[in-house]
Amino acid sequence: MPYDFLACPRCGEKIKAYRNPFPTVDIIIELAHGIVLVERKNEPFGWALPGGFVDYGETLEDAAIREAREETSLDISNLRLLGCYSDPARDPRQHNISTVYVAEANGTPRAGDDAAHLEIFPLTALPSPLCFDHGKILADYADRKANGFI
């Protein structure tokens, strides 16, 4: 159900309380030897793509650039859309919709913000477990890359 009911504090009448999914971004950052994954500091723990919530008044692209910088210290370029992932069960905390980008970067990544650690992984040797639906996202990325769509 997209909404619940609340009681009006003055008269007690039922009013709709709308619940909407939260917009997020994830970024597949390509480096010479693989992609950057972060080990999360906060629950759910595990390996994940860099990313996070879109701030109010921020574009999706600006959020991707900001989140990449905050979590990896990398400035990204050549931002391309991979797709949107909206399964209500993709995040155990709440219903989030992620817009996923692919980007390039140069330099040495360093973990920051809510990343406890980060590493560069080739697609053929990804760690386990991957958080959220990032295994599906990376499978989609690998398939599109193999078929020349990225």
Protein backbone atom coordinates (compact mmCIF):
# COMPACT_ATOMS: atom_id res chain seq x y z
CA MET A 1 0.00 0.00 0.00
CA PRO A 2 1.51 3.39 -0.98
CA TYR A 3 0.13 5.14 2.11
CA ASP A 4 -1.01 4.64 5.67
CA PHE A 5 -3.51 6.64 7.65
CA LEU A 6 -2.72 9.08 10.43
CA ALA A 7 -5.14 10.71 12.81
CA CYS A 8 -5.55 14.48 12.66
CA PRO A 9 -4.30 15.78 16.01
CA ARG A 10 -7.16 18.31 16.21
CA CYS A 11 -10.24 16.37 15.16
CA GLY A 12 -9.10 12.73 14.98
CA GLU A 13 -10.15 12.33 11.34
CA LYS A 14 -8.12 9.89 9.28
CA ILE A 15 -5.74 11.48 6.78
CA LYS A 16 -3.48 9.80 4.28
CA ALA A 17 0.23 9.64 5.05
CA TYR A 18 1.98 9.03 1.76
CA ARG A 19 5.14 6.96 1.70
CA ASN A 20 7.45 7.27 -1.25
CA PRO A 21 10.64 5.39 -2.09
CA PHE A 22 13.92 7.17 -1.45
CA PRO A 23 16.14 8.07 -4.45
CA THR A 24 19.72 6.81 -4.34
CA VAL A 25 22.64 6.49 -6.74
CA ASP A 26 25.29 3.82 -7.13
CA ILE A 27 28.43 4.17 -9.22
CA ILE A 28 30.49 1.52 -10.97
CA ILE A 29 33.89 3.21 -11.03
CA GLU A 30 36.19 1.73 -13.65
CA LEU A 31 39.92 1.82 -13.03
CA ALA A 32 42.69 0.17 -15.03
CA HIS A 33 42.65 -3.05 -12.98
CA GLY A 34 38.96 -3.38 -12.16
CA ILE A 35 36.12 -1.65 -10.36
CA VAL A 36 36.02 0.01 -6.96
CA LEU A 37 33.97 -1.60 -4.21
CA VAL A 38 33.64 -0.33 -0.65
CA GLU A 39 33.28 -2.35 2.52
CA ARG A 40 30.42 -0.74 4.44
CA LYS A 41 30.95 0.72 7.94
CA ASN A 42 27.23 0.57 8.69
CA GLU A 43 24.53 -2.06 8.40
CA PRO A 44 23.96 -3.85 6.21
CA PHE A 45 27.62 -4.85 6.32
CA GLY A 46 29.47 -6.25 3.33
CA TRP A 47 30.86 -5.10 0.00
CA ALA A 48 28.97 -2.58 -2.10
CA LEU A 49 29.24 -0.16 -4.96
CA PRO A 50 29.99 3.39 -3.86
CA GLY A 51 26.78 5.35 -3.59
CA GLY A 52 24.17 6.86 -1.37
CA PHE A 53 21.13 9.05 -1.03
CA VAL A 54 20.32 11.96 -3.33
CA ASP A 55 20.15 15.24 -1.42
CA TYR A 56 17.13 17.52 -1.82
CA GLY A 57 17.73 19.90 -4.75
CA GLU A 58 20.55 17.75 -6.17
CA THR A 59 20.58 16.12 -9.61
CA LEU A 60 21.22 12.40 -9.88
CA GLU A 61 24.47 13.10 -11.74
CA ASP A 62 25.67 15.54 -9.08
CA ALA A 63 24.79 13.01 -6.37
CA ALA A 64 26.86 10.34 -8.16
CA ILE A 65 29.85 12.68 -8.44
CA ARG A 66 29.53 13.71 -4.76
CA GLU A 67 29.09 10.16 -3.45
CA ALA A 68 32.04 8.88 -5.50
CA ARG A 69 34.24 11.62 -4.06
CA GLU A 70 32.98 11.13 -0.47
CA GLU A 71 33.39 7.35 -0.43
CA THR A 72 36.46 6.87 -2.64
CA SER A 73 38.22 10.28 -2.84
CA LEU A 74 38.07 9.92 -6.63
CA ASP A 75 36.89 12.49 -9.14
CA ILE A 76 34.92 10.64 -11.77
CA SER A 77 34.38 11.41 -15.44
CA ASN A 78 32.53 10.00 -18.46
CA LEU A 79 29.39 9.32 -16.42
CA ARG A 80 27.02 6.91 -18.23
CA LEU A 81 23.66 5.54 -17.13
CA LEU A 82 23.54 1.77 -16.57
CA GLY A 83 19.94 1.63 -15.36
CA CYS A 84 17.47 2.03 -12.53
CA TYR A 85 16.83 -0.63 -9.91
CA SER A 86 13.56 -0.42 -8.02
CA ASP A 87 12.74 -3.76 -6.38
CA PRO A 88 11.11 -2.78 -3.06
CA ALA A 89 13.16 -5.55 -1.37
CA ARG A 90 16.54 -4.42 -2.78
CA ASP A 91 17.46 -2.69 0.49
CA PRO A 92 16.46 -4.31 3.81
CA ARG A 93 16.17 -0.91 5.52
CA GLN A 94 13.49 0.68 3.34
CA HIS A 95 12.26 1.01 -0.23
CA ASN A 96 15.05 2.74 -2.18
CA ILE A 97 15.27 3.27 -5.92
CA SER A 98 18.80 3.39 -7.26
CA THR A 99 19.94 5.05 -10.44
CA VAL A 100 23.19 3.33 -11.36
CA TYR A 101 25.97 5.00 -13.32
CA VAL A 102 29.23 3.80 -14.82
CA ALA A 103 32.16 6.20 -14.66
CA GLU A 104 35.91 6.35 -15.14
CA ALA A 105 38.48 7.68 -12.72
CA ASN A 106 42.22 8.06 -12.38
CA GLY A 107 44.24 8.13 -9.22
CA THR A 108 44.44 6.16 -6.02
CA PRO A 109 41.15 5.60 -4.24
CA ARG A 110 40.93 6.03 -0.46
CA ALA A 111 38.03 4.95 1.73
CA GLY A 112 36.02 7.80 3.20
CA ASP A 113 32.58 8.72 4.59
CA ASP A 114 30.72 5.49 5.44
CA ALA A 115 33.25 3.22 3.69
CA ALA A 116 35.36 1.25 6.20
CA HIS A 117 37.65 -0.04 3.47
CA LEU A 118 37.82 -0.22 -0.30
CA GLU A 119 39.50 -2.37 -2.90
CA ILE A 120 39.71 -2.70 -6.67
CA PHE A 121 38.28 -5.97 -7.96
CA PRO A 122 38.27 -7.50 -11.43
CA LEU A 123 34.77 -8.55 -12.50
CA THR A 124 35.94 -12.17 -12.46
CA ALA A 125 36.86 -12.08 -8.76
CA LEU A 126 34.17 -10.14 -6.91
CA PRO A 127 33.96 -10.50 -3.11
CA SER A 128 31.10 -12.05 -1.24
CA PRO A 129 28.71 -11.11 0.10
CA LEU A 130 27.67 -8.13 -1.97
CA CYS A 131 25.09 -5.87 -0.32
CA PHE A 132 21.68 -4.98 -1.62
CA ASP A 133 21.17 -6.05 -5.26
CA HIS A 134 24.72 -5.13 -6.27
CA GLY A 135 25.40 -8.67 -7.52
CA LYS A 136 22.56 -8.27 -10.04
CA ILE A 137 23.73 -4.78 -10.97
CA LEU A 138 27.27 -6.01 -11.60
CA ALA A 139 25.98 -9.00 -13.60
CA ASP A 140 24.00 -6.58 -15.78
CA TYR A 141 27.10 -4.39 -16.15
CA ALA A 142 29.30 -7.37 -17.11
CA ASP A 143 26.74 -8.55 -19.68
CA ARG A 144 26.38 -5.10 -21.27
CA LYS A 145 30.14 -4.59 -21.27
CA ALA A 146 30.72 -7.99 -22.93
CA ASN A 147 28.16 -7.12 -25.59
CA GLY A 148 29.61 -3.69 -26.31
CA PHE A 149 26.79 -1.63 -24.81
CA ILE A 150 29.01 0.18 -22.28
